[in-house]
């Protein structure tokens, strides 16, 4: 087994390449995210309880709008927390087939691709100073994929929030293994 940093492991055999990318290994940030989730939840519950005590219709309308935004971000925080705590990306190429799975606690849909239909395999650049790139690489959100390929008409991205060096090494490992299949 080969390690690319603390989150990425690679197993390479004759007809198998298996890559696992853990969502996180930073327990301190995960604990802070849990406290944020807890505080956000308590705040929303307090507003919900107070909603029933208000008689002003305009104030009730405001709270309904507020709670809709609160609920959206509550779901986003929960999804990010669950991903960080239990999630991992699995990529494996076995018997001439490319498989990808975002697994949470042992569950997740496996996507299958034929390597001869994969094209435009590349590393996605993170532009310094770009707000959207900075947000997508933030610990507090899901996303920030660094590698992508085109399979028929669909784009598949993976390698969530890995460094430039890890992205290059992962890209080279997959590219080299795929080129070995085509020989």
Protein backbone atom coordinates (compact mmCIF):
# COMPACT_ATOMS: atom_id res chain seq x y z
CA UNK A 1 0.00 0.00 0.00
CA UNK A 2 1.21 3.47 -0.93
CA UNK A 3 0.19 6.65 0.91
CA UNK A 4 -0.21 10.07 -0.72
CA UNK A 5 -0.46 12.27 2.34
CA UNK A 6 -2.53 11.42 5.41
CA UNK A 7 -5.87 10.99 3.62
CA UNK A 8 -5.08 9.07 0.42
CA UNK A 9 -4.10 5.41 0.14
CA UNK A 10 -3.36 3.48 -3.05
CA UNK A 11 -3.18 -0.26 -3.63
CA UNK A 12 -1.78 -1.34 -6.98
CA UNK A 13 -1.74 -4.91 -8.25
CA UNK A 14 -1.52 -6.48 -11.69
CA UNK A 15 -5.11 -5.78 -12.83
CA UNK A 16 -6.30 -3.59 -9.93
CA UNK A 17 -5.78 0.00 -8.86
CA UNK A 18 -7.65 0.94 -5.69
CA UNK A 19 -7.65 4.46 -4.23
CA UNK A 20 -9.34 5.62 -1.03
CA UNK A 21 -9.57 9.31 -0.13
CA UNK A 22 -10.78 10.00 3.41
CA UNK A 23 -12.97 13.07 3.94
CA UNK A 24 -10.88 14.33 6.86
CA UNK A 25 -8.39 13.41 9.52
CA UNK A 26 -8.65 16.66 11.52
CA UNK A 27 -10.57 15.81 14.70
CA UNK A 28 -10.30 19.37 16.07
CA UNK A 29 -12.03 20.93 13.07
CA UNK A 30 -14.64 18.16 13.16
CA UNK A 31 -15.37 18.98 16.82
CA UNK A 32 -15.69 22.68 15.94
CA UNK A 33 -18.05 21.79 13.12
CA UNK A 34 -20.17 19.78 15.56
CA UNK A 35 -20.34 22.77 17.95
CA UNK A 36 -21.37 25.00 15.03
CA UNK A 37 -24.08 22.51 14.07
CA UNK A 38 -25.29 22.31 17.66
CA UNK A 39 -25.41 26.11 18.07
CA UNK A 40 -27.19 26.53 14.71
CA UNK A 41 -29.77 23.91 15.68
CA UNK A 42 -30.45 25.45 19.08
CA UNK A 43 -30.84 28.87 17.49
CA UNK A 44 -33.42 27.54 15.06
CA UNK A 45 -35.36 25.68 17.76
CA UNK A 46 -35.54 28.86 19.85
CA UNK A 47 -36.95 30.80 16.87
CA UNK A 48 -39.48 28.02 16.16
CA UNK A 49 -40.67 28.04 19.78
CA UNK A 50 -41.03 31.83 19.76
CA UNK A 51 -42.92 31.75 16.45
CA UNK A 52 -46.03 30.42 18.21
CA UNK A 53 -46.00 33.27 20.75
CA UNK A 54 -45.98 36.07 18.17
CA UNK A 55 -49.31 37.62 17.14
CA UNK A 56 -48.09 40.16 14.58
CA UNK A 57 -48.65 38.73 11.07
CA UNK A 58 -45.70 40.61 9.52
CA UNK A 59 -43.37 39.29 12.20
CA UNK A 60 -44.68 35.76 11.58
CA UNK A 61 -44.05 36.15 7.85
CA UNK A 62 -40.52 37.34 8.57
CA UNK A 63 -39.89 34.32 10.81
CA UNK A 64 -41.21 31.92 8.17
CA UNK A 65 -38.77 33.38 5.64
CA UNK A 66 -35.98 33.32 8.23
CA UNK A 67 -36.74 29.70 9.12
CA UNK A 68 -36.70 28.63 5.47
CA UNK A 69 -33.15 29.98 5.16
CA UNK A 70 -32.27 28.44 8.52
CA UNK A 71 -33.59 25.02 7.41
CA UNK A 72 -31.60 25.16 4.16
CA UNK A 73 -28.36 25.85 6.01
CA UNK A 74 -29.23 23.32 8.72
CA UNK A 75 -29.46 20.59 6.08
CA UNK A 76 -26.23 21.82 4.45
CA UNK A 77 -24.34 21.74 7.75
CA UNK A 78 -25.69 18.28 8.62
CA UNK A 79 -24.71 16.90 5.22
CA UNK A 80 -21.21 18.41 5.48
CA UNK A 81 -20.75 17.10 9.02
CA UNK A 82 -21.87 13.57 8.11
CA UNK A 83 -19.57 13.61 5.08
CA UNK A 84 -16.61 14.77 7.15
CA UNK A 85 -17.23 12.24 9.92
CA UNK A 86 -18.10 9.13 7.91
CA UNK A 87 -17.34 9.83 4.25
CA UNK A 88 -14.69 8.68 1.83
CA UNK A 89 -14.17 8.56 -1.90
CA UNK A 90 -13.34 5.21 -3.45
CA UNK A 91 -11.89 4.84 -6.91
CA UNK A 92 -10.92 1.49 -8.32
CA UNK A 93 -10.06 0.17 -11.73
CA UNK A 94 -10.55 -3.57 -11.97
CA UNK A 95 -10.87 -5.89 -14.95
CA UNK A 96 -10.89 -2.99 -17.40
CA UNK A 97 -13.66 -1.01 -15.65
CA UNK A 98 -13.34 2.30 -13.77
CA UNK A 99 -15.50 2.54 -10.62
CA UNK A 100 -16.17 5.59 -8.44
CA UNK A 101 -18.10 5.80 -5.17
CA UNK A 102 -18.74 8.48 -2.57
CA UNK A 103 -19.29 6.31 0.44
CA UNK A 104 -20.84 7.39 3.71
CA UNK A 105 -20.72 4.78 6.46
CA UNK A 106 -20.51 1.89 3.99
CA UNK A 107 -23.26 3.14 1.67
CA UNK A 108 -23.13 5.01 -1.60
CA UNK A 109 -23.92 4.64 -5.26
CA UNK A 110 -21.18 3.10 -7.38
CA UNK A 111 -20.70 4.73 -10.77
CA UNK A 112 -19.08 2.61 -13.46
CA UNK A 113 -17.18 3.91 -16.47
CA UNK A 114 -15.48 2.25 -19.41
CA UNK A 115 -11.84 3.46 -19.60
CA UNK A 116 -11.83 3.57 -23.41
CA UNK A 117 -14.68 6.14 -23.26
CA UNK A 118 -12.88 8.39 -20.75
CA UNK A 119 -11.42 11.52 -22.31
CA UNK A 120 -10.18 14.93 -21.20
CA UNK A 121 -8.83 13.57 -17.91
CA UNK A 122 -7.30 16.58 -16.16
CA UNK A 123 -6.43 18.38 -12.94
CA UNK A 124 -8.68 21.28 -11.98
CA UNK A 125 -6.72 24.35 -10.93
CA UNK A 126 -7.50 26.32 -7.81
CA UNK A 127 -6.98 29.98 -8.61
CA UNK A 128 -5.52 31.94 -5.68
CA UNK A 129 -7.70 34.89 -4.75
CA UNK A 130 -10.81 33.43 -6.40
CA UNK A 131 -13.68 33.51 -3.89
CA UNK A 132 -15.50 30.45 -5.24
CA UNK A 133 -12.32 28.36 -5.32
CA UNK A 134 -11.51 29.43 -1.75
CA UNK A 135 -15.00 28.51 -0.56
CA UNK A 136 -14.97 25.14 -2.33
CA UNK A 137 -11.67 24.24 -0.64
CA UNK A 138 -13.00 25.22 2.80
CA UNK A 139 -13.34 22.52 5.46
CA UNK A 140 -16.91 23.57 6.20
CA UNK A 141 -18.38 22.60 2.83
CA UNK A 142 -18.54 19.50 0.65
CA UNK A 143 -16.98 19.81 -2.75
CA UNK A 144 -13.71 21.17 -4.04
CA UNK A 145 -12.99 18.33 -6.45
CA UNK A 146 -9.56 18.54 -8.06
CA UNK A 147 -9.71 15.92 -10.85
CA UNK A 148 -12.19 15.45 -13.65
CA UNK A 149 -12.81 13.49 -16.79
CA UNK A 150 -15.43 13.36 -19.49
CA UNK A 151 -17.22 10.05 -20.00
CA UNK A 152 -19.41 10.13 -23.09
CA UNK A 153 -21.32 13.40 -22.43
CA UNK A 154 -21.05 13.55 -18.63
CA UNK A 155 -18.36 15.16 -16.51
CA UNK A 156 -17.23 13.24 -13.42
CA UNK A 157 -15.27 15.08 -10.74
CA UNK A 158 -13.49 13.55 -7.76
CA UNK A 159 -10.60 14.09 -5.36
CA UNK A 160 -12.39 16.38 -2.92
CA UNK A 161 -10.20 19.04 -1.30
CA UNK A 162 -6.82 17.49 -1.95
CA UNK A 163 -3.65 19.54 -2.36
CA UNK A 164 -1.99 20.42 -5.67
CA UNK A 165 0.77 17.86 -5.11
CA UNK A 166 -1.70 15.13 -4.15
CA UNK A 167 -3.82 15.94 -7.21
CA UNK A 168 -0.77 15.66 -9.50
CA UNK A 169 0.34 12.37 -7.92
CA UNK A 170 -3.17 10.92 -8.07
CA UNK A 171 -3.58 12.08 -11.67
CA UNK A 172 -0.28 10.41 -12.64
CA UNK A 173 -1.17 7.13 -10.88
CA UNK A 174 -4.56 6.88 -12.60
CA UNK A 175 -3.28 8.02 -16.01
CA UNK A 176 -0.39 5.55 -15.91
CA UNK A 177 -2.65 2.68 -14.88
CA UNK A 178 -5.22 3.52 -17.58
CA UNK A 179 -2.52 3.77 -20.26
CA UNK A 180 -1.26 0.34 -19.16
CA UNK A 181 -4.74 -1.07 -19.79
CA UNK A 182 -4.80 0.22 -23.34
CA UNK A 183 -1.57 -1.60 -24.31
